[in-house]
């Protein structure tokens, strides 16, 4: 069976990161610190835990047909040949 990847793309632009850092850590990050964050975020237990929470939350949302209306999304997907 061919393995398919599921991509959640979360992009933080540098201005957002620096603004958050300044507001919450009282200074902007250096270029070196920005690179560390980008390259090693998964080594932090809290950050990796947040990734797992994102996955769980997205799954709960996708199966929740009571609170979400997926009719158009599902129709568009099926009409485009998805699910084959």
PDB file of N, CA and C in Angstrom:
ATOM      1  N   UNK A   1       0.838  -1.184   0.000  1.00  0.00           N
ATOM      2  CA  UNK A   1       0.000   0.000   0.000  1.00  0.00           C
ATOM      3  C   UNK A   1       0.882   1.246   0.000  1.00  0.00           C
ATOM      4  N   UNK A   2       0.528   2.189  -0.848  1.00  0.00           N
ATOM      5  CA  UNK A   2       1.268   3.446  -0.931  1.00  0.00           C
ATOM      6  C   UNK A   2       0.945   4.314   0.279  1.00  0.00           C
ATOM      7  N   UNK A   3       1.981   4.812   0.915  1.00  0.00           N
ATOM      8  CA  UNK A   3       1.796   5.660   2.079  1.00  0.00           C
ATOM      9  C   UNK A   3       1.562   7.101   1.646  1.00  0.00           C
ATOM     10  N   UNK A   4       0.519   7.730   2.190  1.00  0.00           N
ATOM     11  CA  UNK A   4       0.202   9.117   1.872  1.00  0.00           C
ATOM     12  C   UNK A   4       0.560   9.986   3.077  1.00  0.00           C
ATOM     13  N   UNK A   5       1.136  11.134   2.812  1.00  0.00           N
ATOM     14  CA  UNK A   5       1.426  12.083   3.876  1.00  0.00           C
ATOM     15  C   UNK A   5       0.264  13.044   4.053  1.00  0.00           C
ATOM     16  N   UNK A   6       0.041  13.440   5.263  1.00  0.00           N
ATOM     17  CA  UNK A   6      -0.956  14.465   5.570  1.00  0.00           C
ATOM     18  C   UNK A   6      -0.182  15.650   6.121  1.00  0.00           C
ATOM     19  N   UNK A   7      -0.342  16.798   5.491  1.00  0.00           N
ATOM     20  CA  UNK A   7       0.454  17.965   5.841  1.00  0.00           C
ATOM     21  C   UNK A   7      -0.420  19.008   6.526  1.00  0.00           C
ATOM     22  N   UNK A   8       0.012  19.420   7.711  1.00  0.00           N
ATOM     23  CA  UNK A   8      -0.548  20.589   8.367  1.00  0.00           C
ATOM     24  C   UNK A   8       0.533  21.653   8.221  1.00  0.00           C
ATOM     25  N   UNK A   9       0.225  22.706   7.554  1.00  0.00           N
ATOM     26  CA  UNK A   9       1.214  23.748   7.338  1.00  0.00           C
ATOM     27  C   UNK A   9       0.914  24.914   8.263  1.00  0.00           C
ATOM     28  N   UNK A  10       1.802  25.149   9.182  1.00  0.00           N
ATOM     29  CA  UNK A  10       1.667  26.277  10.099  1.00  0.00           C
ATOM     30  C   UNK A  10       2.909  27.135   9.916  1.00  0.00           C
ATOM     31  N   UNK A  11       2.702  28.327   9.440  1.00  0.00           N
ATOM     32  CA  UNK A  11       3.821  29.223   9.176  1.00  0.00           C
ATOM     33  C   UNK A  11       3.725  30.401  10.129  1.00  0.00           C
ATOM     34  N   UNK A  12       4.820  30.672  10.810  1.00  0.00           N
ATOM     35  CA  UNK A  12       4.938  31.872  11.623  1.00  0.00           C
ATOM     36  C   UNK A  12       5.911  32.786  10.899  1.00  0.00           C
ATOM     37  N   UNK A  13       5.453  33.955  10.470  1.00  0.00           N
ATOM     38  CA  UNK A  13       6.420  34.850   9.834  1.00  0.00           C
ATOM     39  C   UNK A  13       7.291  35.471  10.929  1.00  0.00           C
ATOM     40  N   UNK A  14       8.462  35.938  10.523  1.00  0.00           N
ATOM     41  CA  UNK A  14       9.436  36.425  11.493  1.00  0.00           C
ATOM     42  C   UNK A  14       8.889  37.581  12.317  1.00  0.00           C
ATOM     43  N   UNK A  15       8.107  38.441  11.693  1.00  0.00           N
ATOM     44  CA  UNK A  15       7.530  39.569  12.432  1.00  0.00           C
ATOM     45  C   UNK A  15       6.621  39.076  13.565  1.00  0.00           C
ATOM     46  N   UNK A  16       5.833  38.045  13.291  1.00  0.00           N
ATOM     47  CA  UNK A  16       4.953  37.479  14.321  1.00  0.00           C
ATOM     48  C   UNK A  16       5.778  36.880  15.460  1.00  0.00           C
ATOM     49  N   UNK A  17       6.812  36.134  15.110  1.00  0.00           N
ATOM     50  CA  UNK A  17       7.677  35.522  16.121  1.00  0.00           C
ATOM     51  C   UNK A  17       8.344  36.607  16.969  1.00  0.00           C
ATOM     52  N   UNK A  18       8.915  37.606  16.312  1.00  0.00           N
ATOM     53  CA  UNK A  18       9.626  38.651  17.047  1.00  0.00           C
ATOM     54  C   UNK A  18       8.693  39.484  17.918  1.00  0.00           C
ATOM     55  N   UNK A  19       7.516  39.759  17.431  1.00  0.00           N
ATOM     56  CA  UNK A  19       6.538  40.504  18.218  1.00  0.00           C
ATOM     57  C   UNK A  19       6.127  39.706  19.456  1.00  0.00           C
ATOM     58  N   UNK A  20       5.886  38.412  19.268  1.00  0.00           N
ATOM     59  CA  UNK A  20       5.519  37.546  20.388  1.00  0.00           C
ATOM     60  C   UNK A  20       6.667  37.440  21.392  1.00  0.00           C
ATOM     61  N   UNK A  21       7.877  37.268  20.885  1.00  0.00           N
ATOM     62  CA  UNK A  21       9.046  37.161  21.764  1.00  0.00           C
ATOM     63  C   UNK A  21       9.228  38.430  22.586  1.00  0.00           C
ATOM     64  N   UNK A  22       9.110  39.562  21.927  1.00  0.00           N
ATOM     65  CA  UNK A  22       9.289  40.828  22.636  1.00  0.00           C
ATOM     66  C   UNK A  22       8.204  41.027  23.702  1.00  0.00           C
ATOM     67  N   UNK A  23       6.973  40.707  23.359  1.00  0.00           N
ATOM     68  CA  UNK A  23       5.863  40.892  24.299  1.00  0.00           C
ATOM     69  C   UNK A  23       5.919  39.910  25.472  1.00  0.00           C
ATOM     70  N   UNK A  24       6.426  38.707  25.225  1.00  0.00           N
ATOM     71  CA  UNK A  24       6.385  37.670  26.253  1.00  0.00           C
ATOM     72  C   UNK A  24       7.738  37.339  26.885  1.00  0.00           C
ATOM     73  N   UNK A  25       8.830  37.689  26.216  1.00  0.00           N
ATOM     74  CA  UNK A  25      10.166  37.387  26.723  1.00  0.00           C
ATOM     75  C   UNK A  25      11.047  38.631  26.803  1.00  0.00           C
ATOM     76  N   UNK A  26      10.445  39.788  26.566  1.00  0.00           N
ATOM     77  CA  UNK A  26      11.052  41.099  26.740  1.00  0.00           C
ATOM     78  C   UNK A  26      12.199  41.408  25.783  1.00  0.00           C
ATOM     79  N   UNK A  27      12.306  40.629  24.684  1.00  0.00           N
ATOM     80  CA  UNK A  27      13.288  40.964  23.661  1.00  0.00           C
ATOM     81  C   UNK A  27      13.015  40.152  22.415  1.00  0.00           C
ATOM     82  N   UNK A  28      13.530  40.636  21.298  1.00  0.00           N
ATOM     83  CA  UNK A  28      13.453  39.867  20.064  1.00  0.00           C
ATOM     84  C   UNK A  28      14.527  38.786  20.068  1.00  0.00           C
ATOM     85  N   UNK A  29      14.364  37.792  19.237  1.00  0.00           N
ATOM     86  CA  UNK A  29      15.341  36.720  19.125  1.00  0.00           C
ATOM     87  C   UNK A  29      16.438  37.102  18.136  1.00  0.00           C
ATOM     88  N   UNK A  30      17.622  36.567  18.381  1.00  0.00           N
ATOM     89  CA  UNK A  30      18.720  36.762  17.428  1.00  0.00           C
ATOM     90  C   UNK A  30      18.516  35.814  16.252  1.00  0.00           C
ATOM     91  N   UNK A  31      19.248  36.031  15.171  1.00  0.00           N
ATOM     92  CA  UNK A  31      19.182  35.128  14.018  1.00  0.00           C
ATOM     93  C   UNK A  31      19.561  33.712  14.438  1.00  0.00           C
ATOM     94  N   UNK A  32      20.551  33.590  15.311  1.00  0.00           N
ATOM     95  CA  UNK A  32      20.981  32.283  15.801  1.00  0.00           C
ATOM     96  C   UNK A  32      19.854  31.593  16.563  1.00  0.00           C
ATOM     97  N   UNK A  33      19.157  32.333  17.407  1.00  0.00           N
ATOM     98  CA  UNK A  33      18.043  31.768  18.177  1.00  0.00           C
ATOM     99  C   UNK A  33      16.884  31.379  17.270  1.00  0.00           C
ATOM    100  N   UNK A  34      16.605  32.204  16.260  1.00  0.00           N
ATOM    101  CA  UNK A  34      15.552  31.850  15.303  1.00  0.00           C
ATOM    102  C   UNK A  34      15.879  30.536  14.602  1.00  0.00           C
ATOM    103  N   UNK A  35      17.135  30.360  14.234  1.00  0.00           N
ATOM    104  CA  UNK A  35      17.545  29.117  13.592  1.00  0.00           C
ATOM    105  C   UNK A  35      17.417  27.930  14.543  1.00  0.00           C
ATOM    106  N   UNK A  36      17.810  28.107  15.794  1.00  0.00           N
ATOM    107  CA  UNK A  36      17.657  27.032  16.784  1.00  0.00           C
ATOM    108  C   UNK A  36      16.195  26.615  16.906  1.00  0.00           C
ATOM    109  N   UNK A  37      15.328  27.609  16.988  1.00  0.00           N
ATOM    110  CA  UNK A  37      13.905  27.331  17.121  1.00  0.00           C
ATOM    111  C   UNK A  37      13.407  26.535  15.925  1.00  0.00           C
ATOM    112  N   UNK A  38      13.787  26.947  14.741  1.00  0.00           N
ATOM    113  CA  UNK A  38      13.365  26.300  13.503  1.00  0.00           C
ATOM    114  C   UNK A  38      13.894  24.869  13.395  1.00  0.00           C
ATOM    115  N   UNK A  39      15.141  24.660  13.787  1.00  0.00           N
ATOM    116  CA  UNK A  39      15.786  23.373  13.581  1.00  0.00           C
ATOM    117  C   UNK A  39      15.559  22.361  14.712  1.00  0.00           C
ATOM    118  N   UNK A  40      15.218  22.835  15.919  1.00  0.00           N
ATOM    119  CA  UNK A  40      15.153  21.923  17.065  1.00  0.00           C
ATOM    120  C   UNK A  40      13.859  22.004  17.874  1.00  0.00           C
ATOM    121  N   UNK A  41      12.798  22.566  17.313  1.00  0.00           N
ATOM    122  CA  UNK A  41      11.559  22.729  18.063  1.00  0.00           C
ATOM    123  C   UNK A  41      11.055  21.407  18.633  1.00  0.00           C
ATOM    124  N   UNK A  42      11.245  20.319  17.887  1.00  0.00           N
ATOM    125  CA  UNK A  42      10.702  19.008  18.266  1.00  0.00           C
ATOM    126  C   UNK A  42      11.412  18.412  19.484  1.00  0.00           C
ATOM    127  N   UNK A  43      12.562  18.944  19.869  1.00  0.00           N
ATOM    128  CA  UNK A  43      13.279  18.443  21.039  1.00  0.00           C
ATOM    129  C   UNK A  43      12.674  18.951  22.342  1.00  0.00           C
ATOM    130  N   UNK A  44      11.832  19.963  22.244  1.00  0.00           N
ATOM    131  CA  UNK A  44      11.171  20.510  23.427  1.00  0.00           C
ATOM    132  C   UNK A  44       9.889  19.725  23.683  1.00  0.00           C
ATOM    133  N   UNK A  45       9.751  19.157  24.861  1.00  0.00           N
ATOM    134  CA  UNK A  45       8.583  18.341  25.188  1.00  0.00           C
ATOM    135  C   UNK A  45       7.270  19.079  25.018  1.00  0.00           C
ATOM    136  N   UNK A  46       7.221  20.332  25.430  1.00  0.00           N
ATOM    137  CA  UNK A  46       5.976  21.098  25.320  1.00  0.00           C
ATOM    138  C   UNK A  46       5.616  21.355  23.862  1.00  0.00           C
ATOM    139  N   UNK A  47       6.616  21.706  23.055  1.00  0.00           N
ATOM    140  CA  UNK A  47       6.350  21.952  21.628  1.00  0.00           C
ATOM    141  C   UNK A  47       5.911  20.664  20.939  1.00  0.00           C
ATOM    142  N   UNK A  48       6.581  19.567  21.244  1.00  0.00           N
ATOM    143  CA  UNK A  48       6.199  18.296  20.629  1.00  0.00           C
ATOM    144  C   UNK A  48       4.811  17.863  21.118  1.00  0.00           C
ATOM    145  N   UNK A  49       4.518  18.132  22.383  1.00  0.00           N
ATOM    146  CA  UNK A  49       3.189  17.833  22.915  1.00  0.00           C
ATOM    147  C   UNK A  49       2.112  18.655  22.229  1.00  0.00           C
ATOM    148  N   UNK A  50       2.426  19.915  21.922  1.00  0.00           N
ATOM    149  CA  UNK A  50       1.474  20.768  21.212  1.00  0.00           C
ATOM    150  C   UNK A  50       1.200  20.214  19.819  1.00  0.00           C
ATOM    151  N   UNK A  51       2.218  19.634  19.190  1.00  0.00           N
ATOM    152  CA  UNK A  51       2.041  18.996  17.871  1.00  0.00           C
ATOM    153  C   UNK A  51       1.051  17.837  17.987  1.00  0.00           C
ATOM    154  N   UNK A  52       1.202  17.031  19.033  1.00  0.00           N
ATOM    155  CA  UNK A  52       0.299  15.911  19.252  1.00  0.00           C
ATOM    156  C   UNK A  52      -1.115  16.397  19.546  1.00  0.00           C
ATOM    157  N   UNK A  53      -1.227  17.467  20.312  1.00  0.00           N
ATOM    158  CA  UNK A  53      -2.541  18.053  20.593  1.00  0.00           C
ATOM    159  C   UNK A  53      -3.191  18.568  19.321  1.00  0.00           C
ATOM    160  N   UNK A  54      -2.407  19.160  18.428  1.00  0.00           N
ATOM    161  CA  UNK A  54      -2.927  19.614  17.137  1.00  0.00           C
ATOM    162  C   UNK A  54      -3.502  18.444  16.358  1.00  0.00           C
ATOM    163  N   UNK A  55      -2.777  17.335  16.307  1.00  0.00           N
ATOM    164  CA  UNK A  55      -3.246  16.151  15.591  1.00  0.00           C
ATOM    165  C   UNK A  55      -4.558  15.645  16.188  1.00  0.00           C
ATOM    166  N   UNK A  56      -4.622  15.518  17.503  1.00  0.00           N
ATOM    167  CA  UNK A  56      -5.840  15.042  18.164  1.00  0.00           C
ATOM    168  C   UNK A  56      -7.012  15.984  17.909  1.00  0.00           C
ATOM    169  N   UNK A  57      -6.776  17.272  18.000  1.00  0.00           N
ATOM    170  CA  UNK A  57      -7.834  18.255  17.780  1.00  0.00           C
ATOM    171  C   UNK A  57      -8.346  18.208  16.349  1.00  0.00           C
ATOM    172  N   UNK A  58      -7.435  18.089  15.381  1.00  0.00           N
ATOM    173  CA  UNK A  58      -7.840  18.022  13.971  1.00  0.00           C
ATOM    174  C   UNK A  58      -8.657  16.764  13.689  1.00  0.00           C
ATOM    175  N   UNK A  59      -8.275  15.641  14.301  1.00  0.00           N
ATOM    176  CA  UNK A  59      -9.046  14.398  14.126  1.00  0.00           C
ATOM    177  C   UNK A  59     -10.435  14.554  14.724  1.00  0.00           C
ATOM    178  N   UNK A  60     -10.524  15.097  15.937  1.00  0.00           N
ATOM    179  CA  UNK A  60     -11.830  15.309  16.575  1.00  0.00           C
ATOM    180  C   UNK A  60     -12.729  16.186  15.709  1.00  0.00           C
ATOM    181  N   UNK A  61     -12.155  17.250  15.138  1.00  0.00           N
ATOM    182  CA  UNK A  61     -12.932  18.134  14.278  1.00  0.00           C
ATOM    183  C   UNK A  61     -13.419  17.392  13.041  1.00  0.00           C
ATOM    184  N   UNK A  62     -12.546  16.597  12.415  1.00  0.00           N
ATOM    185  CA  UNK A  62     -12.886  15.922  11.160  1.00  0.00           C
ATOM    186  C   UNK A  62     -13.999  14.888  11.312  1.00  0.00           C
ATOM    187  N   UNK A  63     -14.134  14.316  12.491  1.00  0.00           N
ATOM    188  CA  UNK A  63     -15.182  13.305  12.689  1.00  0.00           C
ATOM    189  C   UNK A  63     -16.435  13.876  13.352  1.00  0.00           C
ATOM    190  N   UNK A  64     -16.418  15.162  13.647  1.00  0.00           N
ATOM    191  CA  UNK A  64     -17.530  15.808  14.348  1.00  0.00           C
ATOM    192  C   UNK A  64     -18.516  16.414  13.346  1.00  0.00           C
ATOM    193  N   UNK A  65     -19.456  15.601  12.904  1.00  0.00           N
ATOM    194  CA  UNK A  65     -20.454  16.099  11.949  1.00  0.00           C
ATOM    195  C   UNK A  65     -21.619  16.799  12.649  1.00  0.00           C
ATOM    196  N   UNK A  66     -21.640  16.770  13.965  1.00  0.00           N
ATOM    197  CA  UNK A  66     -22.683  17.467  14.715  1.00  0.00           C
ATOM    198  C   UNK A  66     -22.438  18.976  14.726  1.00  0.00           C
ATOM    199  N   UNK A  67     -21.185  19.372  14.959  1.00  0.00           N
ATOM    200  CA  UNK A  67     -20.855  20.794  15.103  1.00  0.00           C
ATOM    201  C   UNK A  67     -20.283  21.432  13.839  1.00  0.00           C
ATOM    202  N   UNK A  68     -19.948  20.596  12.841  1.00  0.00           N
ATOM    203  CA  UNK A  68     -19.358  21.109  11.608  1.00  0.00           C
ATOM    204  C   UNK A  68     -20.145  20.609  10.411  1.00  0.00           C
ATOM    205  N   UNK A  69     -20.278  21.456   9.417  1.00  0.00           N
ATOM    206  CA  UNK A  69     -20.955  21.078   8.178  1.00  0.00           C
ATOM    207  C   UNK A  69     -19.890  20.880   7.100  1.00  0.00           C
ATOM    208  N   UNK A  70     -19.686  19.624   6.718  1.00  0.00           N
ATOM    209  CA  UNK A  70     -18.665  19.275   5.744  1.00  0.00           C
ATOM    210  C   UNK A  70     -19.244  18.974   4.367  1.00  0.00           C
ATOM    211  N   UNK A  71     -20.526  19.256   4.150  1.00  0.00           N
ATOM    212  CA  UNK A  71     -21.173  18.869   2.896  1.00  0.00           C
ATOM    213  C   UNK A  71     -20.425  19.390   1.670  1.00  0.00           C
ATOM    214  N   UNK A  72     -20.138  20.656   1.626  1.00  0.00           N
ATOM    215  CA  UNK A  72     -19.473  21.220   0.448  1.00  0.00           C
ATOM    216  C   UNK A  72     -18.046  20.675   0.305  1.00  0.00           C
ATOM    217  N   UNK A  73     -17.316  20.620   1.408  1.00  0.00           N
ATOM    218  CA  UNK A  73     -15.951  20.094   1.377  1.00  0.00           C
ATOM    219  C   UNK A  73     -15.937  18.671   0.857  1.00  0.00           C
ATOM    220  N   UNK A  74     -16.837  17.838   1.372  1.00  0.00           N
ATOM    221  CA  UNK A  74     -16.908  16.439   0.952  1.00  0.00           C
ATOM    222  C   UNK A  74     -17.310  16.327  -0.517  1.00  0.00           C
ATOM    223  N   UNK A  75     -18.289  17.114  -0.923  1.00  0.00           N
ATOM    224  CA  UNK A  75     -18.749  17.082  -2.317  1.00  0.00           C
ATOM    225  C   UNK A  75     -17.615  17.491  -3.264  1.00  0.00           C
ATOM    226  N   UNK A  76     -16.938  18.581  -2.946  1.00  0.00           N
ATOM    227  CA  UNK A  76     -15.839  19.052  -3.784  1.00  0.00           C
ATOM    228  C   UNK A  76     -14.745  17.988  -3.887  1.00  0.00           C
ATOM    229  N   UNK A  77     -14.441  17.349  -2.782  1.00  0.00           N
ATOM    230  CA  UNK A  77     -13.409  16.319  -2.759  1.00  0.00           C
ATOM    231  C   UNK A  77     -13.799  15.131  -3.627  1.00  0.00           C
ATOM    232  N   UNK A  78     -15.035  14.668  -3.475  1.00  0.00           N
ATOM    233  CA  UNK A  78     -15.502  13.520  -4.256  1.00  0.00           C
ATOM    234  C   UNK A  78     -15.617  13.851  -5.742  1.00  0.00           C
ATOM    235  N   UNK A  79     -16.092  15.051  -6.043  1.00  0.00           N
ATOM    236  CA  UNK A  79     -16.221  15.448  -7.449  1.00  0.00           C
ATOM    237  C   UNK A  79     -14.867  15.630  -8.125  1.00  0.00           C
ATOM    238  N   UNK A  80     -13.841  15.917  -7.357  1.00  0.00           N
ATOM    239  CA  UNK A  80     -12.499  16.094  -7.936  1.00  0.00           C
ATOM    240  C   UNK A  80     -11.789  14.760  -8.122  1.00  0.00           C
ATOM    241  N   UNK A  81     -12.478  13.672  -7.772  1.00  0.00           N
ATOM    242  CA  UNK A  81     -11.871  12.357  -7.921  1.00  0.00           C
ATOM    243  C   UNK A  81     -11.160  11.863  -6.687  1.00  0.00           C
ATOM    244  N   UNK A  82     -11.291  12.600  -5.599  1.00  0.00           N
ATOM    245  CA  UNK A  82     -10.664  12.175  -4.352  1.00  0.00           C
ATOM    246  C   UNK A  82     -11.307  10.903  -3.814  1.00  0.00           C
ATOM    247  N   UNK A  83     -10.563  10.201  -3.029  1.00  0.00           N
ATOM    248  CA  UNK A  83     -11.084   8.989  -2.401  1.00  0.00           C
ATOM    249  C   UNK A  83     -10.988   7.753  -3.269  1.00  0.00           C
ATOM    250  N   UNK A  84     -10.342   7.868  -4.442  1.00  0.00           N
ATOM    251  CA  UNK A  84     -10.230   6.707  -5.326  1.00  0.00           C
ATOM    252  C   UNK A  84      -8.988   5.930  -5.032  1.00  0.00           C
TER     253      UNK A  84
END
